[in-house]
């Protein structure tokens, strides 16, 4: 039976039926895996922001109410290198979004240890990869993932 409230214990199913823990060893290894994936999520987000900065896309887009859908923002026509960077950024965004949603689904196991491992992993990842200073403020981040 699936838990609908936060509980503490070593028996948990994370994401798929075959990822079940029944001993303290498997539970701790699973928590460690969740922590590492959460930190990796922050690392990928950092790489995506750095890629955006390297591409020179520092200017914020106009407000949505004054954007014209017929005008293209960002990639200049015929600029293949810039298009490649935009493609790489889109791929990183997709992978990062998928990891973010998988982390959210892992938290929905309602196990307190899994919750804490993911929050600590996101915190550690932010500390090491995203807390680098004022460059992040120059990038308009359109990440809709809740755990960004």
N, C-alpha and C. Protein backbone atom coordinates (compact mmCIF):
# COMPACT_ATOMS: atom_id res chain seq x y z
N UNK A 1 0.83 -1.18 0.00
CA UNK A 1 0.00 0.00 0.00
C UNK A 1 0.88 1.25 0.00
N UNK A 2 0.47 2.23 -0.78
CA UNK A 2 1.22 3.47 -0.89
C UNK A 2 0.88 4.39 0.28
N UNK A 3 1.89 4.99 0.86
CA UNK A 3 1.68 5.94 1.95
C UNK A 3 1.19 7.26 1.39
N UNK A 4 0.28 7.89 2.12
CA UNK A 4 -0.23 9.20 1.72
C UNK A 4 0.17 10.28 2.72
N UNK A 5 0.95 9.91 3.72
CA UNK A 5 1.48 10.87 4.68
C UNK A 5 2.96 10.59 4.86
N UNK A 6 3.68 11.58 5.37
CA UNK A 6 5.11 11.42 5.58
C UNK A 6 5.36 10.36 6.64
N UNK A 7 6.23 9.41 6.34
CA UNK A 7 6.55 8.35 7.29
C UNK A 7 8.05 8.14 7.31
N UNK A 8 8.52 7.53 8.37
CA UNK A 8 9.94 7.23 8.54
C UNK A 8 10.10 5.72 8.59
N UNK A 9 11.03 5.20 7.86
CA UNK A 9 11.29 3.77 7.87
C UNK A 9 12.19 3.38 6.72
N UNK A 10 12.75 2.18 6.84
CA UNK A 10 13.69 1.72 5.83
C UNK A 10 13.02 1.06 4.65
N UNK A 11 11.76 0.74 4.75
CA UNK A 11 11.05 0.10 3.64
C UNK A 11 10.36 1.17 2.80
N UNK A 12 10.87 1.32 1.58
CA UNK A 12 10.34 2.34 0.69
C UNK A 12 10.47 1.86 -0.76
N UNK A 13 9.53 2.29 -1.58
CA UNK A 13 9.61 2.06 -3.02
C UNK A 13 9.83 3.41 -3.67
N UNK A 14 10.93 3.53 -4.43
CA UNK A 14 11.29 4.81 -5.05
C UNK A 14 11.14 4.69 -6.56
N UNK A 15 10.25 5.45 -7.12
CA UNK A 15 10.02 5.61 -8.56
C UNK A 15 9.44 4.37 -9.25
N UNK A 16 10.08 3.21 -9.13
CA UNK A 16 9.61 2.01 -9.83
C UNK A 16 9.51 0.84 -8.85
N UNK A 17 8.71 -0.14 -9.20
CA UNK A 17 8.49 -1.28 -8.30
C UNK A 17 9.76 -2.06 -7.99
N UNK A 18 10.70 -2.06 -8.91
CA UNK A 18 11.91 -2.84 -8.65
C UNK A 18 12.93 -2.10 -7.78
N UNK A 19 12.69 -0.82 -7.48
CA UNK A 19 13.59 -0.07 -6.59
C UNK A 19 12.97 -0.01 -5.20
N UNK A 20 13.04 -1.12 -4.52
CA UNK A 20 12.51 -1.24 -3.16
C UNK A 20 13.66 -1.46 -2.20
N UNK A 21 13.54 -0.89 -1.03
CA UNK A 21 14.55 -1.11 -0.01
C UNK A 21 13.94 -1.94 1.11
N UNK A 22 14.71 -2.89 1.61
CA UNK A 22 14.22 -3.72 2.72
C UNK A 22 15.25 -3.87 3.83
N UNK A 23 16.44 -3.33 3.61
CA UNK A 23 17.47 -3.37 4.65
C UNK A 23 18.05 -1.97 4.81
N UNK A 24 18.75 -1.76 5.91
CA UNK A 24 19.36 -0.46 6.13
C UNK A 24 20.42 -0.15 5.08
N UNK A 25 21.11 -1.15 4.61
CA UNK A 25 22.14 -0.93 3.58
C UNK A 25 21.52 -0.43 2.29
N UNK A 26 20.48 -1.10 1.82
CA UNK A 26 19.84 -0.67 0.58
C UNK A 26 19.16 0.69 0.75
N UNK A 27 18.64 0.95 1.94
CA UNK A 27 17.99 2.23 2.22
C UNK A 27 19.00 3.38 2.18
N UNK A 28 20.13 3.20 2.85
CA UNK A 28 21.16 4.24 2.88
C UNK A 28 21.75 4.46 1.49
N UNK A 29 21.97 3.39 0.74
CA UNK A 29 22.48 3.54 -0.62
C UNK A 29 21.47 4.26 -1.51
N UNK A 30 20.20 3.99 -1.32
CA UNK A 30 19.15 4.68 -2.09
C UNK A 30 19.10 6.16 -1.73
N UNK A 31 19.24 6.46 -0.44
CA UNK A 31 19.26 7.87 -0.02
C UNK A 31 20.48 8.59 -0.60
N UNK A 32 21.60 7.91 -0.62
CA UNK A 32 22.81 8.49 -1.20
C UNK A 32 22.62 8.74 -2.70
N UNK A 33 21.98 7.80 -3.39
CA UNK A 33 21.71 7.98 -4.81
C UNK A 33 20.79 9.18 -5.04
N UNK A 34 19.77 9.34 -4.22
CA UNK A 34 18.87 10.49 -4.33
C UNK A 34 19.63 11.80 -4.09
N UNK A 35 20.51 11.81 -3.10
CA UNK A 35 21.30 12.99 -2.79
C UNK A 35 22.20 13.36 -3.96
N UNK A 36 22.86 12.39 -4.55
CA UNK A 36 23.78 12.64 -5.67
C UNK A 36 23.01 13.15 -6.89
N UNK A 37 21.86 12.56 -7.18
CA UNK A 37 21.07 12.99 -8.34
C UNK A 37 20.56 14.42 -8.12
N UNK A 38 20.17 14.76 -6.89
CA UNK A 38 19.70 16.11 -6.61
C UNK A 38 20.84 17.12 -6.78
N UNK A 39 22.04 16.78 -6.33
CA UNK A 39 23.19 17.68 -6.52
C UNK A 39 23.53 17.79 -8.01
N UNK A 40 23.41 16.67 -8.74
CA UNK A 40 23.67 16.68 -10.18
C UNK A 40 22.66 17.56 -10.91
N UNK A 41 21.43 17.60 -10.43
CA UNK A 41 20.41 18.49 -10.98
C UNK A 41 20.89 19.94 -10.93
N UNK A 42 21.43 20.35 -9.79
CA UNK A 42 21.93 21.72 -9.65
C UNK A 42 23.16 21.95 -10.55
N UNK A 43 24.00 20.95 -10.69
CA UNK A 43 25.17 21.06 -11.57
C UNK A 43 24.72 21.30 -13.01
N UNK A 44 23.74 20.52 -13.49
CA UNK A 44 23.26 20.69 -14.86
C UNK A 44 22.62 22.06 -15.05
N UNK A 45 21.92 22.54 -14.04
CA UNK A 45 21.32 23.87 -14.13
C UNK A 45 22.42 24.93 -14.24
N UNK A 46 23.50 24.75 -13.50
CA UNK A 46 24.64 25.66 -13.59
C UNK A 46 25.24 25.63 -14.99
N UNK A 47 25.41 24.44 -15.56
CA UNK A 47 25.98 24.34 -16.91
C UNK A 47 25.07 25.03 -17.92
N UNK A 48 23.77 24.90 -17.78
CA UNK A 48 22.83 25.54 -18.70
C UNK A 48 22.93 27.06 -18.60
N UNK A 49 23.04 27.58 -17.38
CA UNK A 49 23.17 29.03 -17.19
C UNK A 49 24.50 29.51 -17.77
N UNK A 50 25.57 28.75 -17.53
CA UNK A 50 26.88 29.13 -18.07
C UNK A 50 26.87 29.11 -19.61
N UNK A 51 26.18 28.13 -20.20
CA UNK A 51 26.07 28.06 -21.65
C UNK A 51 25.34 29.29 -22.18
N UNK A 52 24.30 29.69 -21.47
CA UNK A 52 23.55 30.87 -21.87
C UNK A 52 24.43 32.12 -21.77
N UNK A 53 25.24 32.21 -20.73
CA UNK A 53 26.14 33.35 -20.58
C UNK A 53 27.22 33.36 -21.66
N UNK A 54 27.76 32.18 -21.99
CA UNK A 54 28.78 32.09 -23.02
C UNK A 54 28.23 32.47 -24.39
N UNK A 55 26.96 32.19 -24.59
CA UNK A 55 26.34 32.52 -25.87
C UNK A 55 26.09 34.02 -25.99
N UNK A 56 26.28 34.75 -24.88
CA UNK A 56 26.09 36.19 -24.93
C UNK A 56 24.65 36.60 -24.86
N UNK A 57 23.80 35.75 -24.35
CA UNK A 57 22.37 36.03 -24.27
C UNK A 57 22.07 36.67 -22.91
N UNK A 58 22.68 37.82 -22.64
CA UNK A 58 22.54 38.49 -21.34
C UNK A 58 21.36 39.44 -21.31
N UNK A 59 20.82 39.78 -22.44
CA UNK A 59 19.74 40.76 -22.43
C UNK A 59 18.42 40.08 -22.06
N UNK A 60 17.65 40.69 -21.18
CA UNK A 60 16.36 40.11 -20.85
C UNK A 60 15.37 40.30 -22.00
N UNK A 61 14.47 39.36 -22.14
CA UNK A 61 13.44 39.47 -23.16
C UNK A 61 12.41 40.50 -22.73
N UNK A 62 11.72 41.12 -23.69
CA UNK A 62 10.68 42.06 -23.30
C UNK A 62 9.57 41.34 -22.54
N UNK A 63 8.78 42.12 -21.85
CA UNK A 63 7.66 41.55 -21.09
C UNK A 63 6.73 40.81 -22.04
N UNK A 64 6.07 39.72 -21.55
CA UNK A 64 5.22 38.92 -22.44
C UNK A 64 4.11 39.73 -23.10
N UNK A 65 3.62 40.75 -22.43
CA UNK A 65 2.51 41.51 -23.02
C UNK A 65 2.94 42.40 -24.18
N UNK A 66 4.26 42.67 -24.33
CA UNK A 66 4.69 43.49 -25.46
C UNK A 66 5.46 42.70 -26.50
N UNK A 67 5.63 41.39 -26.29
CA UNK A 67 6.27 40.56 -27.32
C UNK A 67 5.32 40.33 -28.47
N UNK A 68 5.85 40.35 -29.66
CA UNK A 68 5.05 40.06 -30.84
C UNK A 68 5.39 38.65 -31.30
N UNK A 69 4.39 37.77 -31.41
CA UNK A 69 4.69 36.38 -31.76
C UNK A 69 5.31 36.21 -33.15
N UNK A 70 5.18 37.19 -34.03
CA UNK A 70 5.74 37.07 -35.36
C UNK A 70 7.22 37.40 -35.40
N UNK A 71 7.74 38.04 -34.34
CA UNK A 71 9.15 38.38 -34.29
C UNK A 71 9.92 37.28 -33.59
N UNK A 72 11.12 36.98 -34.08
CA UNK A 72 11.97 35.95 -33.45
C UNK A 72 12.90 36.62 -32.47
N UNK A 73 12.95 36.08 -31.26
CA UNK A 73 13.86 36.59 -30.25
C UNK A 73 14.95 35.57 -30.06
N UNK A 74 16.19 36.02 -29.97
CA UNK A 74 17.28 35.09 -29.65
C UNK A 74 18.13 34.76 -30.86
N UNK A 75 17.78 33.72 -31.58
CA UNK A 75 18.64 33.20 -32.65
C UNK A 75 18.49 34.06 -33.90
N UNK A 76 19.59 34.58 -34.38
CA UNK A 76 19.57 35.35 -35.62
C UNK A 76 19.50 34.37 -36.79
N UNK A 77 18.80 34.76 -37.83
CA UNK A 77 18.65 33.88 -38.97
C UNK A 77 19.98 33.58 -39.64
N UNK A 78 20.28 32.30 -39.87
CA UNK A 78 21.49 31.89 -40.55
C UNK A 78 22.70 31.74 -39.65
N UNK A 79 22.60 32.01 -38.41
CA UNK A 79 23.74 31.91 -37.50
C UNK A 79 23.77 30.50 -36.91
N UNK A 80 24.50 29.59 -37.60
CA UNK A 80 24.49 28.17 -37.21
C UNK A 80 25.12 27.91 -35.86
N UNK A 81 26.17 28.64 -35.53
CA UNK A 81 26.82 28.43 -34.23
C UNK A 81 25.88 28.79 -33.10
N UNK A 82 25.20 29.89 -33.25
CA UNK A 82 24.24 30.32 -32.22
C UNK A 82 23.06 29.35 -32.14
N UNK A 83 22.66 28.83 -33.28
CA UNK A 83 21.58 27.85 -33.30
C UNK A 83 22.01 26.57 -32.58
N UNK A 84 23.27 26.17 -32.77
CA UNK A 84 23.79 25.00 -32.07
C UNK A 84 23.80 25.19 -30.56
N UNK A 85 24.17 26.39 -30.12
CA UNK A 85 24.16 26.68 -28.69
C UNK A 85 22.73 26.64 -28.15
N UNK A 86 21.80 27.21 -28.89
CA UNK A 86 20.39 27.18 -28.46
C UNK A 86 19.88 25.74 -28.39
N UNK A 87 20.30 24.91 -29.35
CA UNK A 87 19.89 23.51 -29.33
C UNK A 87 20.47 22.79 -28.11
N UNK A 88 21.76 23.02 -27.84
CA UNK A 88 22.39 22.41 -26.68
C UNK A 88 21.72 22.87 -25.39
N UNK A 89 21.38 24.14 -25.34
CA UNK A 89 20.67 24.67 -24.16
C UNK A 89 19.30 24.02 -24.01
N UNK A 90 18.61 23.81 -25.11
CA UNK A 90 17.30 23.17 -25.06
C UNK A 90 17.41 21.72 -24.59
N UNK A 91 18.44 21.01 -25.06
CA UNK A 91 18.65 19.63 -24.62
C UNK A 91 18.95 19.59 -23.12
N UNK A 92 19.82 20.50 -22.66
CA UNK A 92 20.12 20.56 -21.23
C UNK A 92 18.87 20.88 -20.41
N UNK A 93 18.04 21.78 -20.93
CA UNK A 93 16.80 22.11 -20.24
C UNK A 93 15.89 20.89 -20.14
N UNK A 94 15.79 20.14 -21.24
CA UNK A 94 14.94 18.94 -21.23
C UNK A 94 15.44 17.89 -20.26
N UNK A 95 16.74 17.62 -20.27
CA UNK A 95 17.30 16.63 -19.35
C UNK A 95 17.14 17.10 -17.91
N UNK A 96 17.40 18.37 -17.68
CA UNK A 96 17.27 18.91 -16.32
C UNK A 96 15.83 18.88 -15.84
N UNK A 97 14.89 19.18 -16.72
CA UNK A 97 13.48 19.11 -16.35
C UNK A 97 13.07 17.67 -16.01
N UNK A 98 13.55 16.72 -16.80
CA UNK A 98 13.22 15.32 -16.54
C UNK A 98 13.77 14.89 -15.18
N UNK A 99 15.01 15.27 -14.88
CA UNK A 99 15.59 14.92 -13.58
C UNK A 99 14.80 15.59 -12.46
N UNK A 100 14.41 16.85 -12.66
CA UNK A 100 13.63 17.55 -11.64
C UNK A 100 12.31 16.87 -11.36
N UNK A 101 11.62 16.45 -12.40
CA UNK A 101 10.33 15.77 -12.19
C UNK A 101 10.53 14.39 -11.57
N UNK A 102 11.61 13.69 -11.91
CA UNK A 102 11.88 12.41 -11.26
C UNK A 102 12.18 12.60 -9.78
N UNK A 103 12.89 13.68 -9.43
CA UNK A 103 13.13 13.98 -8.02
C UNK A 103 11.81 14.26 -7.30
N UNK A 104 10.93 15.00 -7.96
CA UNK A 104 9.62 15.27 -7.37
C UNK A 104 8.84 13.97 -7.15
N UNK A 105 8.89 13.08 -8.12
CA UNK A 105 8.19 11.80 -7.96
C UNK A 105 8.81 10.95 -6.87
N UNK A 106 10.13 11.03 -6.71
CA UNK A 106 10.78 10.29 -5.62
C UNK A 106 10.33 10.83 -4.27
N UNK A 107 10.19 12.13 -4.16
CA UNK A 107 9.68 12.71 -2.91
C UNK A 107 8.26 12.24 -2.65
N UNK A 108 7.52 11.97 -3.70
CA UNK A 108 6.14 11.51 -3.51
C UNK A 108 6.05 10.08 -2.99
N UNK A 109 7.18 9.46 -2.69
CA UNK A 109 7.14 8.20 -1.95
C UNK A 109 6.75 8.46 -0.50
N UNK A 110 6.78 9.72 -0.09
CA UNK A 110 6.41 10.19 1.25
C UNK A 110 7.31 9.64 2.35
N UNK A 111 8.50 9.20 1.99
CA UNK A 111 9.44 8.75 3.00
C UNK A 111 10.26 9.95 3.46
N UNK A 112 10.36 10.14 4.78
CA UNK A 112 11.07 11.28 5.33
C UNK A 112 12.53 11.29 4.96
N UNK A 113 13.17 10.14 4.92
CA UNK A 113 14.58 10.06 4.56
C UNK A 113 14.82 10.46 3.11
N UNK A 114 13.95 10.03 2.21
CA UNK A 114 14.07 10.39 0.80
C UNK A 114 13.88 11.90 0.65
N UNK A 115 12.90 12.45 1.34
CA UNK A 115 12.67 13.88 1.30
C UNK A 115 13.91 14.65 1.76
N UNK A 116 14.45 14.27 2.91
CA UNK A 116 15.63 14.96 3.44
C UNK A 116 16.84 14.79 2.53
N UNK A 117 17.04 13.60 1.97
CA UNK A 117 18.18 13.36 1.10
C UNK A 117 18.12 14.25 -0.14
N UNK A 118 16.94 14.41 -0.71
CA UNK A 118 16.80 15.24 -1.91
C UNK A 118 16.98 16.72 -1.56
N UNK A 119 16.41 17.16 -0.45
CA UNK A 119 16.57 18.56 -0.05
C UNK A 119 18.04 18.86 0.27
N UNK A 120 18.70 17.97 0.97
CA UNK A 120 20.12 18.16 1.28
C UNK A 120 20.95 18.13 0.00
N UNK A 121 20.63 17.24 -0.93
CA UNK A 121 21.34 17.18 -2.20
C UNK A 121 21.17 18.45 -3.01
N UNK A 122 19.95 19.00 -3.05
CA UNK A 122 19.72 20.26 -3.75
C UNK A 122 20.49 21.40 -3.08
N UNK A 123 20.52 21.38 -1.76
CA UNK A 123 21.24 22.41 -1.02
C UNK A 123 22.74 22.33 -1.27
N UNK A 124 23.28 21.14 -1.21
CA UNK A 124 24.72 20.95 -1.47
C UNK A 124 25.05 21.34 -2.91
N UNK A 125 24.21 20.92 -3.84
CA UNK A 125 24.43 21.28 -5.24
C UNK A 125 24.36 22.78 -5.47
N UNK A 126 23.42 23.44 -4.82
CA UNK A 126 23.32 24.89 -4.94
C UNK A 126 24.57 25.56 -4.37
N UNK A 127 25.02 25.08 -3.21
CA UNK A 127 26.19 25.66 -2.57
C UNK A 127 27.43 25.55 -3.45
N UNK A 128 27.63 24.40 -4.06
CA UNK A 128 28.84 24.18 -4.84
C UNK A 128 28.75 24.68 -6.29
N UNK A 129 27.56 24.66 -6.88
CA UNK A 129 27.46 24.93 -8.30
C UNK A 129 26.70 26.19 -8.67
N UNK A 130 25.76 26.62 -7.87
CA UNK A 130 24.92 27.73 -8.29
C UNK A 130 25.16 29.01 -7.51
N UNK A 131 25.91 28.98 -6.46
CA UNK A 131 26.11 30.13 -5.59
C UNK A 131 27.41 30.83 -5.97
N UNK A 132 27.51 31.26 -7.24
CA UNK A 132 28.77 31.79 -7.75
C UNK A 132 28.81 33.30 -7.86
N UNK A 133 27.76 33.99 -7.58
CA UNK A 133 27.84 35.44 -7.61
C UNK A 133 26.81 36.07 -8.51
N UNK A 134 27.18 37.21 -9.07
CA UNK A 134 26.23 38.05 -9.76
C UNK A 134 25.93 37.62 -11.18
N UNK A 135 26.68 36.71 -11.77
CA UNK A 135 26.42 36.31 -13.16
C UNK A 135 25.05 35.68 -13.32
N UNK A 136 24.56 34.98 -12.30
CA UNK A 136 23.25 34.36 -12.39
C UNK A 136 22.14 35.39 -12.51
N UNK A 137 22.34 36.58 -11.96
CA UNK A 137 21.32 37.62 -12.01
C UNK A 137 21.18 38.18 -13.41
N UNK A 138 22.19 38.00 -14.26
CA UNK A 138 22.14 38.54 -15.60
C UNK A 138 21.31 37.67 -16.55
N UNK A 139 21.00 36.47 -16.15
CA UNK A 139 20.29 35.55 -17.01
C UNK A 139 18.83 35.47 -16.58
N UNK A 140 17.95 35.66 -17.53
CA UNK A 140 16.53 35.47 -17.25
C UNK A 140 16.28 33.98 -17.29
N UNK A 141 15.87 33.41 -16.17
CA UNK A 141 15.69 31.97 -16.08
C UNK A 141 14.22 31.62 -16.24
N UNK A 142 13.90 30.91 -17.31
CA UNK A 142 12.52 30.55 -17.59
C UNK A 142 12.21 29.13 -17.17
N UNK A 143 12.89 28.64 -16.13
CA UNK A 143 12.71 27.27 -15.68
C UNK A 143 11.39 27.15 -14.94
N UNK A 144 10.50 26.30 -15.43
CA UNK A 144 9.20 26.14 -14.79
C UNK A 144 9.18 25.00 -13.80
N UNK A 145 10.30 24.31 -13.61
CA UNK A 145 10.33 23.19 -12.71
C UNK A 145 10.29 23.68 -11.26
N UNK A 146 9.50 23.03 -10.44
CA UNK A 146 9.29 23.49 -9.07
C UNK A 146 10.55 23.39 -8.22
N UNK A 147 11.45 22.48 -8.53
CA UNK A 147 12.61 22.34 -7.66
C UNK A 147 13.83 23.07 -8.20
N UNK A 148 13.63 24.08 -9.00
CA UNK A 148 14.74 24.88 -9.50
C UNK A 148 15.13 25.87 -8.45
